[in-house]
Amino acid sequence: MIRVPEIRLVGENVEPGIYRTDEALRMAEDQGLDLVEISPNAAPPVCRIIDYNKFLYEKKKKEKEMKANAHKSEVKEIRFTPNTDDHDFDFKAKHAEKFLKEGNKVKTYVQFKGRAIMFKERGELILLKFAERLAEVGALEGMPLMEGKRMIAIFAPKSAKKKPAGEKPPKEAREPREPREPREGGESQSQPVQPAQPQPAPARRPIEIKYANRPPADKPAEDKPAGNN
């Protein structure tokens, strides 16, 4: 079913490169396998020599796993009025946090009835306060807007932050080990290290100063002989 004259061959047990289609088919027949086109939009198309039935089985298995892991995002609605009290506000904020943590969007609106349409500023304050409350789990997609008699704000869930790959948790500080008791018939293998004792400073000897041509202190100086006049 491969109609192009040339293909790019990849995979195991082959030398990657561009081959004529008939040559690649012959290589697949020699290995008892099939020539399967895996990327038809490339130029030239990319093919592999594999077992076609195994290829279909792995493809279906992968699609089934992706479908099972896919989360269907929903839009949850929460309604306020210009006169919503604090208790009702906190109650609805907890529900919104739960919806956002589950991966759903939250559409919040303030409903105005009759003359309450005059208090648009009050509705905007409620929605902005709601956005501040949900800042850790949800992001406001845009400023509140009026649609008929409703002021609407939409929140999208925030993705969880991943830790860097190289970051390691800090190690706990180790407690100092106690010295082991000596074993019978021998000394302990590990003895506690005694702190170094301060050494006393050496006594300083008095410095003796000697003067040239000066008699010692314990002997009287001899009289010099008188010279001849």
C-alpha atoms as a PDB file:
ATOM      1  CA  MET A   1       0.000   0.000   0.000  1.00  0.00           C
ATOM      2  CA  ILE A   2       3.070   2.308   0.024  1.00  0.00           C
ATOM      3  CA  ARG A   3       2.917   4.087  -3.330  1.00  0.00           C
ATOM      4  CA  VAL A   4       5.922   6.456  -3.145  1.00  0.00           C
ATOM      5  CA  PRO A   5       9.129   5.457  -4.938  1.00  0.00           C
ATOM      6  CA  GLU A   6      11.442   6.288  -2.010  1.00  0.00           C
ATOM      7  CA  ILE A   7      11.096   6.153   1.768  1.00  0.00           C
ATOM      8  CA  ARG A   8      13.223   7.009   4.801  1.00  0.00           C
ATOM      9  CA  LEU A   9      13.912   3.838   6.755  1.00  0.00           C
ATOM     10  CA  VAL A  10      14.460   3.935  10.545  1.00  0.00           C
ATOM     11  CA  GLY A  11      14.402   1.401  13.357  1.00  0.00           C
ATOM     12  CA  GLU A  12      16.419  -1.544  14.613  1.00  0.00           C
ATOM     13  CA  ASN A  13      18.505  -4.000  12.587  1.00  0.00           C
ATOM     14  CA  VAL A  14      18.692  -1.544   9.660  1.00  0.00           C
ATOM     15  CA  GLU A  15      20.983   1.255   8.642  1.00  0.00           C
ATOM     16  CA  PRO A  16      18.888   4.465   8.735  1.00  0.00           C
ATOM     17  CA  GLY A  17      18.704   6.259   5.419  1.00  0.00           C
ATOM     18  CA  ILE A  18      16.724   6.775   2.220  1.00  0.00           C
ATOM     19  CA  TYR A  19      15.915   3.606   0.294  1.00  0.00           C
ATOM     20  CA  ARG A  20      13.872   2.720  -2.749  1.00  0.00           C
ATOM     21  CA  THR A  21      10.530   1.266  -1.700  1.00  0.00           C
ATOM     22  CA  ASP A  22      11.077  -2.071  -3.475  1.00  0.00           C
ATOM     23  CA  GLU A  23      14.467  -2.453  -1.779  1.00  0.00           C
ATOM     24  CA  ALA A  24      12.964  -1.725   1.665  1.00  0.00           C
ATOM     25  CA  LEU A  25      10.182  -4.275   1.000  1.00  0.00           C
ATOM     26  CA  ARG A  26      12.765  -6.891   0.119  1.00  0.00           C
ATOM     27  CA  MET A  27      14.668  -6.149   3.373  1.00  0.00           C
ATOM     28  CA  ALA A  28      11.441  -6.571   5.376  1.00  0.00           C
ATOM     29  CA  GLU A  29      10.672  -9.909   3.648  1.00  0.00           C
ATOM     30  CA  ASP A  30      14.173 -11.176   4.443  1.00  0.00           C
ATOM     31  CA  GLN A  31      13.515 -10.526   8.153  1.00  0.00           C
ATOM     32  CA  GLY A  32       9.996 -12.002   8.042  1.00  0.00           C
ATOM     33  CA  LEU A  33       8.482  -8.654   9.033  1.00  0.00           C
ATOM     34  CA  ASP A  34       6.439  -5.844   7.448  1.00  0.00           C
ATOM     35  CA  LEU A  35       7.317  -2.417   6.082  1.00  0.00           C
ATOM     36  CA  VAL A  36       5.062  -0.005   8.023  1.00  0.00           C
ATOM     37  CA  GLU A  37       4.625   3.682   7.211  1.00  0.00           C
ATOM     38  CA  ILE A  38       4.704   5.588  10.520  1.00  0.00           C
ATOM     39  CA  SER A  39       4.986   9.192   9.263  1.00  0.00           C
ATOM     40  CA  PRO A  40       3.235   9.604   5.890  1.00  0.00           C
ATOM     41  CA  ASN A  41       3.417  13.410   5.803  1.00  0.00           C
ATOM     42  CA  ALA A  42       7.212  13.562   5.899  1.00  0.00           C
ATOM     43  CA  ALA A  43       9.269  14.042   2.737  1.00  0.00           C
ATOM     44  CA  PRO A  44      10.030  11.258   2.007  1.00  0.00           C
ATOM     45  CA  PRO A  45       7.637   9.242   4.239  1.00  0.00           C
ATOM     46  CA  VAL A  46       9.205   7.520   7.250  1.00  0.00           C
ATOM     47  CA  CYS A  47       8.865   3.727   7.521  1.00  0.00           C
ATOM     48  CA  ARG A  48       9.965   0.992   9.909  1.00  0.00           C
ATOM     49  CA  ILE A  49      10.468  -2.740   9.518  1.00  0.00           C
ATOM     50  CA  ILE A  50       8.308  -4.243  12.281  1.00  0.00           C
ATOM     51  CA  ASP A  51       5.500  -6.722  12.906  1.00  0.00           C
ATOM     52  CA  TYR A  52       2.346  -4.937  11.692  1.00  0.00           C
ATOM     53  CA  ASN A  53      -0.003  -6.786  14.082  1.00  0.00           C
ATOM     54  CA  LYS A  54       2.225  -5.883  17.030  1.00  0.00           C
ATOM     55  CA  PHE A  55       2.304  -2.292  15.801  1.00  0.00           C
ATOM     56  CA  LEU A  56      -1.513  -2.114  15.743  1.00  0.00           C
ATOM     57  CA  TYR A  57      -1.763  -3.707  19.210  1.00  0.00           C
ATOM     58  CA  GLU A  58       0.666  -1.217  20.790  1.00  0.00           C
ATOM     59  CA  LYS A  59      -1.053   1.687  19.054  1.00  0.00           C
ATOM     60  CA  LYS A  60      -4.496   0.693  20.380  1.00  0.00           C
ATOM     61  CA  LYS A  61      -3.065   0.098  23.851  1.00  0.00           C
ATOM     62  CA  LYS A  62      -1.473   3.544  23.905  1.00  0.00           C
ATOM     63  CA  GLU A  63      -4.682   5.226  22.734  1.00  0.00           C
ATOM     64  CA  LYS A  64      -6.645   3.389  25.426  1.00  0.00           C
ATOM     65  CA  GLU A  65      -4.234   4.531  28.142  1.00  0.00           C
ATOM     66  CA  MET A  66      -4.364   8.133  26.940  1.00  0.00           C
ATOM     67  CA  LYS A  67      -8.156   8.031  26.921  1.00  0.00           C
ATOM     68  CA  ALA A  68      -8.264   6.592  30.444  1.00  0.00           C
ATOM     69  CA  ASN A  69      -5.865   9.248  31.779  1.00  0.00           C
ATOM     70  CA  ALA A  70      -7.617  12.124  30.012  1.00  0.00           C
ATOM     71  CA  HIS A  71      -9.646  14.315  32.357  1.00  0.00           C
ATOM     72  CA  LYS A  72     -12.822  15.831  31.011  1.00  0.00           C
ATOM     73  CA  SER A  73     -12.770  19.422  32.129  1.00  0.00           C
ATOM     74  CA  GLU A  74     -16.147  20.856  33.077  1.00  0.00           C
ATOM     75  CA  VAL A  75     -17.352  24.383  33.753  1.00  0.00           C
ATOM     76  CA  LYS A  76     -18.940  24.769  37.181  1.00  0.00           C
ATOM     77  CA  GLU A  77     -21.202  27.753  37.862  1.00  0.00           C
ATOM     78  CA  ILE A  78     -21.437  29.694  41.123  1.00  0.00           C
ATOM     79  CA  ARG A  79     -24.051  32.383  41.566  1.00  0.00           C
ATOM     80  CA  PHE A  80     -23.927  35.491  43.744  1.00  0.00           C
ATOM     81  CA  THR A  81     -26.239  38.398  44.392  1.00  0.00           C
ATOM     82  CA  PRO A  82     -25.229  41.989  45.232  1.00  0.00           C
ATOM     83  CA  ASN A  83     -26.314  41.309  48.844  1.00  0.00           C
ATOM     84  CA  THR A  84     -24.371  38.050  49.400  1.00  0.00           C
ATOM     85  CA  ASP A  85     -23.284  37.860  53.058  1.00  0.00           C
ATOM     86  CA  ASP A  86     -19.895  36.671  54.351  1.00  0.00           C
ATOM     87  CA  HIS A  87     -21.124  33.227  55.399  1.00  0.00           C
ATOM     88  CA  ASP A  88     -22.553  32.459  51.961  1.00  0.00           C
ATOM     89  CA  PHE A  89     -19.410  33.886  50.340  1.00  0.00           C
ATOM     90  CA  ASP A  90     -17.108  31.551  52.323  1.00  0.00           C
ATOM     91  CA  PHE A  91     -19.357  28.551  51.617  1.00  0.00           C
ATOM     92  CA  LYS A  92     -19.246  29.130  47.858  1.00  0.00           C
ATOM     93  CA  ALA A  93     -15.514  29.892  47.909  1.00  0.00           C
ATOM     94  CA  LYS A  94     -14.822  26.427  49.398  1.00  0.00           C
ATOM     95  CA  HIS A  95     -16.845  24.798  46.627  1.00  0.00           C
ATOM     96  CA  ALA A  96     -14.945  26.807  43.994  1.00  0.00           C
ATOM     97  CA  GLU A  97     -11.581  25.749  45.478  1.00  0.00           C
ATOM     98  CA  LYS A  98     -12.657  22.109  45.278  1.00  0.00           C
ATOM     99  CA  PHE A  99     -13.756  22.459  41.636  1.00  0.00           C
ATOM    100  CA  LEU A 100     -10.470  24.121  40.631  1.00  0.00           C
ATOM    101  CA  LYS A 101      -8.331  21.509  42.394  1.00  0.00           C
ATOM    102  CA  GLU A 102     -10.189  18.832  40.418  1.00  0.00           C
ATOM    103  CA  GLY A 103      -9.168  20.563  37.178  1.00  0.00           C
ATOM    104  CA  ASN A 104     -12.493  22.196  36.332  1.00  0.00           C
ATOM    105  CA  LYS A 105     -13.167  25.782  35.362  1.00  0.00           C
ATOM    106  CA  VAL A 106     -15.412  27.957  37.504  1.00  0.00           C
ATOM    107  CA  LYS A 107     -17.850  30.449  35.998  1.00  0.00           C
ATOM    108  CA  THR A 108     -18.902  32.930  38.665  1.00  0.00           C
ATOM    109  CA  TYR A 109     -21.556  35.576  38.130  1.00  0.00           C
ATOM    110  CA  VAL A 110     -23.507  38.145  40.086  1.00  0.00           C
ATOM    111  CA  GLN A 111     -27.199  38.174  39.201  1.00  0.00           C
ATOM    112  CA  PHE A 112     -28.914  41.584  39.207  1.00  0.00           C
ATOM    113  CA  LYS A 113     -32.687  41.791  39.505  1.00  0.00           C
ATOM    114  CA  GLY A 114     -34.864  44.897  39.106  1.00  0.00           C
ATOM    115  CA  ARG A 115     -33.303  48.012  40.541  1.00  0.00           C
ATOM    116  CA  ALA A 116     -30.284  46.049  41.761  1.00  0.00           C
ATOM    117  CA  ILE A 117     -28.738  46.713  38.363  1.00  0.00           C
ATOM    118  CA  MET A 118     -27.798  50.120  39.776  1.00  0.00           C
ATOM    119  CA  PHE A 119     -25.246  48.444  42.087  1.00  0.00           C
ATOM    120  CA  LYS A 120     -22.826  47.153  39.441  1.00  0.00           C
ATOM    121  CA  GLU A 121     -19.833  48.331  41.488  1.00  0.00           C
ATOM    122  CA  ARG A 122     -20.934  46.087  44.366  1.00  0.00           C
ATOM    123  CA  GLY A 123     -21.017  43.075  42.036  1.00  0.00           C
ATOM    124  CA  GLU A 124     -17.554  43.850  40.692  1.00  0.00           C
ATOM    125  CA  LEU A 125     -16.173  44.091  44.230  1.00  0.00           C
ATOM    126  CA  ILE A 126     -17.631  40.679  45.081  1.00  0.00           C
ATOM    127  CA  LEU A 127     -15.999  39.043  42.045  1.00  0.00           C
ATOM    128  CA  LEU A 128     -12.626  40.685  42.651  1.00  0.00           C
ATOM    129  CA  LYS A 129     -12.737  39.617  46.283  1.00  0.00           C
ATOM    130  CA  PHE A 130     -13.574  36.114  45.079  1.00  0.00           C
ATOM    131  CA  ALA A 131     -10.549  36.198  42.749  1.00  0.00           C
ATOM    132  CA  GLU A 132      -8.307  37.190  45.645  1.00  0.00           C
ATOM    133  CA  ARG A 133      -9.676  34.288  47.699  1.00  0.00           C
ATOM    134  CA  LEU A 134      -8.960  31.773  44.897  1.00  0.00           C
ATOM    135  CA  ALA A 135      -5.543  33.170  43.937  1.00  0.00           C
ATOM    136  CA  GLU A 136      -3.640  30.051  45.088  1.00  0.00           C
ATOM    137  CA  VAL A 137      -5.693  27.513  43.101  1.00  0.00           C
ATOM    138  CA  GLY A 138      -7.237  29.502  40.241  1.00  0.00           C
ATOM    139  CA  ALA A 139      -6.410  32.303  37.827  1.00  0.00           C
ATOM    140  CA  LEU A 140      -8.865  34.925  36.662  1.00  0.00           C
ATOM    141  CA  GLU A 141      -9.072  34.731  32.849  1.00  0.00           C
ATOM    142  CA  GLY A 142     -10.278  38.326  32.486  1.00  0.00           C
ATOM    143  CA  MET A 143     -11.839  41.231  34.295  1.00  0.00           C
ATOM    144  CA  PRO A 144     -15.554  40.883  35.216  1.00  0.00           C
ATOM    145  CA  LEU A 145     -17.853  41.723  32.288  1.00  0.00           C
ATOM    146  CA  MET A 146     -21.552  42.463  32.046  1.00  0.00           C
ATOM    147  CA  GLU A 147     -23.699  40.105  29.959  1.00  0.00           C
ATOM    148  CA  GLY A 148     -27.312  41.213  30.168  1.00  0.00           C
ATOM    149  CA  LYS A 149     -28.210  41.320  33.856  1.00  0.00           C
ATOM    150  CA  ARG A 150     -25.194  39.245  34.906  1.00  0.00           C
ATOM    151  CA  MET A 151     -21.631  40.243  35.724  1.00  0.00           C
ATOM    152  CA  ILE A 152     -19.442  37.256  34.886  1.00  0.00           C
ATOM    153  CA  ALA A 153     -15.888  36.183  35.770  1.00  0.00           C
ATOM    154  CA  ILE A 154     -14.270  32.879  34.740  1.00  0.00           C
ATOM    155  CA  PHE A 155     -11.503  31.123  36.682  1.00  0.00           C
ATOM    156  CA  ALA A 156      -9.112  28.492  35.297  1.00  0.00           C
ATOM    157  CA  PRO A 157      -7.252  25.971  37.493  1.00  0.00           C
ATOM    158  CA  LYS A 158      -3.587  26.537  38.173  1.00  0.00           C
ATOM    159  CA  SER A 159      -1.207  23.704  37.389  1.00  0.00           C
ATOM    160  CA  ALA A 160       0.850  22.313  40.266  1.00  0.00           C
ATOM    161  CA  LYS A 161       4.449  23.496  40.382  1.00  0.00           C
ATOM    162  CA  LYS A 162       7.119  20.852  39.880  1.00  0.00           C
ATOM    163  CA  LYS A 163      10.274  20.671  41.815  1.00  0.00           C
ATOM    164  CA  PRO A 164      13.527  21.042  39.964  1.00  0.00           C
ATOM    165  CA  ALA A 165      15.136  17.771  39.001  1.00  0.00           C
ATOM    166  CA  GLY A 166      18.415  18.582  40.756  1.00  0.00           C
ATOM    167  CA  GLU A 167      16.845  19.731  44.021  1.00  0.00           C
ATOM    168  CA  LYS A 168      17.272  17.324  46.954  1.00  0.00           C
ATOM    169  CA  PRO A 169      15.521  17.415  50.325  1.00  0.00           C
ATOM    170  CA  PRO A 170      17.688  18.700  53.174  1.00  0.00           C
ATOM    171  CA  LYS A 171      19.352  16.012  55.267  1.00  0.00           C
ATOM    172  CA  GLU A 172      18.417  15.741  58.894  1.00  0.00           C
ATOM    173  CA  ALA A 173      21.083  16.658  61.388  1.00  0.00           C
ATOM    174  CA  ARG A 174      22.694  13.596  62.923  1.00  0.00           C
ATOM    175  CA  GLU A 175      22.763  13.257  66.663  1.00  0.00           C
ATOM    176  CA  PRO A 176      26.250  12.867  68.226  1.00  0.00           C
ATOM    177  CA  ARG A 177      27.155   9.264  68.970  1.00  0.00           C
ATOM    178  CA  GLU A 178      27.724   8.198  72.537  1.00  0.00           C
ATOM    179  CA  PRO A 179      31.136   6.601  73.344  1.00  0.00           C
ATOM    180  CA  ARG A 180      31.061   2.801  73.263  1.00  0.00           C
ATOM    181  CA  GLU A 181      31.896   0.765  76.326  1.00  0.00           C
ATOM    182  CA  PRO A 182      35.158  -1.222  76.117  1.00  0.00           C
ATOM    183  CA  ARG A 183      34.777  -4.855  75.078  1.00  0.00           C
ATOM    184  CA  GLU A 184      35.981  -7.754  77.172  1.00  0.00           C
ATOM    185  CA  GLY A 185      39.618  -8.500  76.562  1.00  0.00           C
ATOM    186  CA  GLY A 186      40.393  -5.362  74.645  1.00  0.00           C
ATOM    187  CA  GLU A 187      39.935  -1.672  74.365  1.00  0.00           C
ATOM    188  CA  SER A 188      37.012   0.020  72.745  1.00  0.00           C
ATOM    189  CA  GLN A 189      37.282   0.392  69.007  1.00  0.00           C
ATOM    190  CA  SER A 190      36.087   3.960  69.073  1.00  0.00           C
ATOM    191  CA  GLN A 191      37.054   6.183  71.968  1.00  0.00           C
ATOM    192  CA  PRO A 192      35.794   9.687  72.551  1.00  0.00           C
ATOM    193  CA  VAL A 193      38.186  12.395  71.484  1.00  0.00           C
ATOM    194  CA  GLN A 194      39.377  14.413  74.461  1.00  0.00           C
ATOM    195  CA  PRO A 195      39.471  18.146  73.965  1.00  0.00           C
ATOM    196  CA  ALA A 196      42.932  19.640  73.803  1.00  0.00           C
ATOM    197  CA  GLN A 197      44.047  21.084  77.156  1.00  0.00           C
ATOM    198  CA  PRO A 198      45.498  24.600  77.080  1.00  0.00           C
ATOM    199  CA  GLN A 199      49.294  24.567  77.589  1.00  0.00           C
ATOM    200  CA  PRO A 200      50.742  26.983  80.188  1.00  0.00           C
ATOM    201  CA  ALA A 201      52.808  29.793  78.771  1.00  0.00           C
ATOM    202  CA  PRO A 202      56.596  29.266  79.224  1.00  0.00           C
ATOM    203  CA  ALA A 203      58.314  31.353  81.921  1.00  0.00           C
ATOM    204  CA  ARG A 204      60.106  34.314  80.480  1.00  0.00           C
ATOM    205  CA  ARG A 205      63.796  34.617  81.460  1.00  0.00           C
ATOM    206  CA  PRO A 206      65.208  38.065  82.268  1.00  0.00           C
ATOM    207  CA  ILE A 207      67.297  39.543  79.541  1.00  0.00           C
ATOM    208  CA  GLU A 208      70.932  40.133  80.529  1.00  0.00           C
ATOM    209  CA  ILE A 209      72.421  43.177  78.859  1.00  0.00           C
ATOM    210  CA  LYS A 210      76.206  43.212  78.512  1.00  0.00           C
ATOM    211  CA  TYR A 211      78.198  46.330  77.864  1.00  0.00           C
ATOM    212  CA  ALA A 212      81.614  46.407  76.263  1.00  0.00           C
ATOM    213  CA  ASN A 213      84.675  47.292  78.505  1.00  0.00           C
ATOM    214  CA  ARG A 214      82.556  47.382  81.673  1.00  0.00           C
ATOM    215  CA  PRO A 215      83.632  45.395  84.772  1.00  0.00           C
ATOM    216  CA  PRO A 216      81.246  42.988  86.357  1.00  0.00           C
ATOM    217  CA  ALA A 217      79.037  44.343  89.128  1.00  0.00           C
ATOM    218  CA  ASP A 218      80.441  42.000  91.857  1.00  0.00           C
ATOM    219  CA  LYS A 219      84.099  43.086  91.379  1.00  0.00           C
ATOM    220  CA  PRO A 220      85.403  46.553  92.198  1.00  0.00           C
ATOM    221  CA  ALA A 221      86.996  48.442  89.407  1.00  0.00           C
ATOM    222  CA  GLU A 222      90.870  48.371  89.558  1.00  0.00           C
ATOM    223  CA  ASP A 223      92.738  51.628  89.574  1.00  0.00           C
ATOM    224  CA  LYS A 224      94.606  52.297  86.481  1.00  0.00           C
ATOM    225  CA  PRO A 225      98.356  52.994  86.948  1.00  0.00           C
ATOM    226  CA  ALA A 226      99.229  56.614  86.847  1.00  0.00           C
ATOM    227  CA  GLY A 227     101.028  57.673  83.789  1.00  0.00           C
ATOM    228  CA  ASN A 228     104.438  59.354  83.778  1.00  0.00           C
ATOM    229  CA  ASN A 229     104.268  63.075  83.859  1.00  0.00           C
END
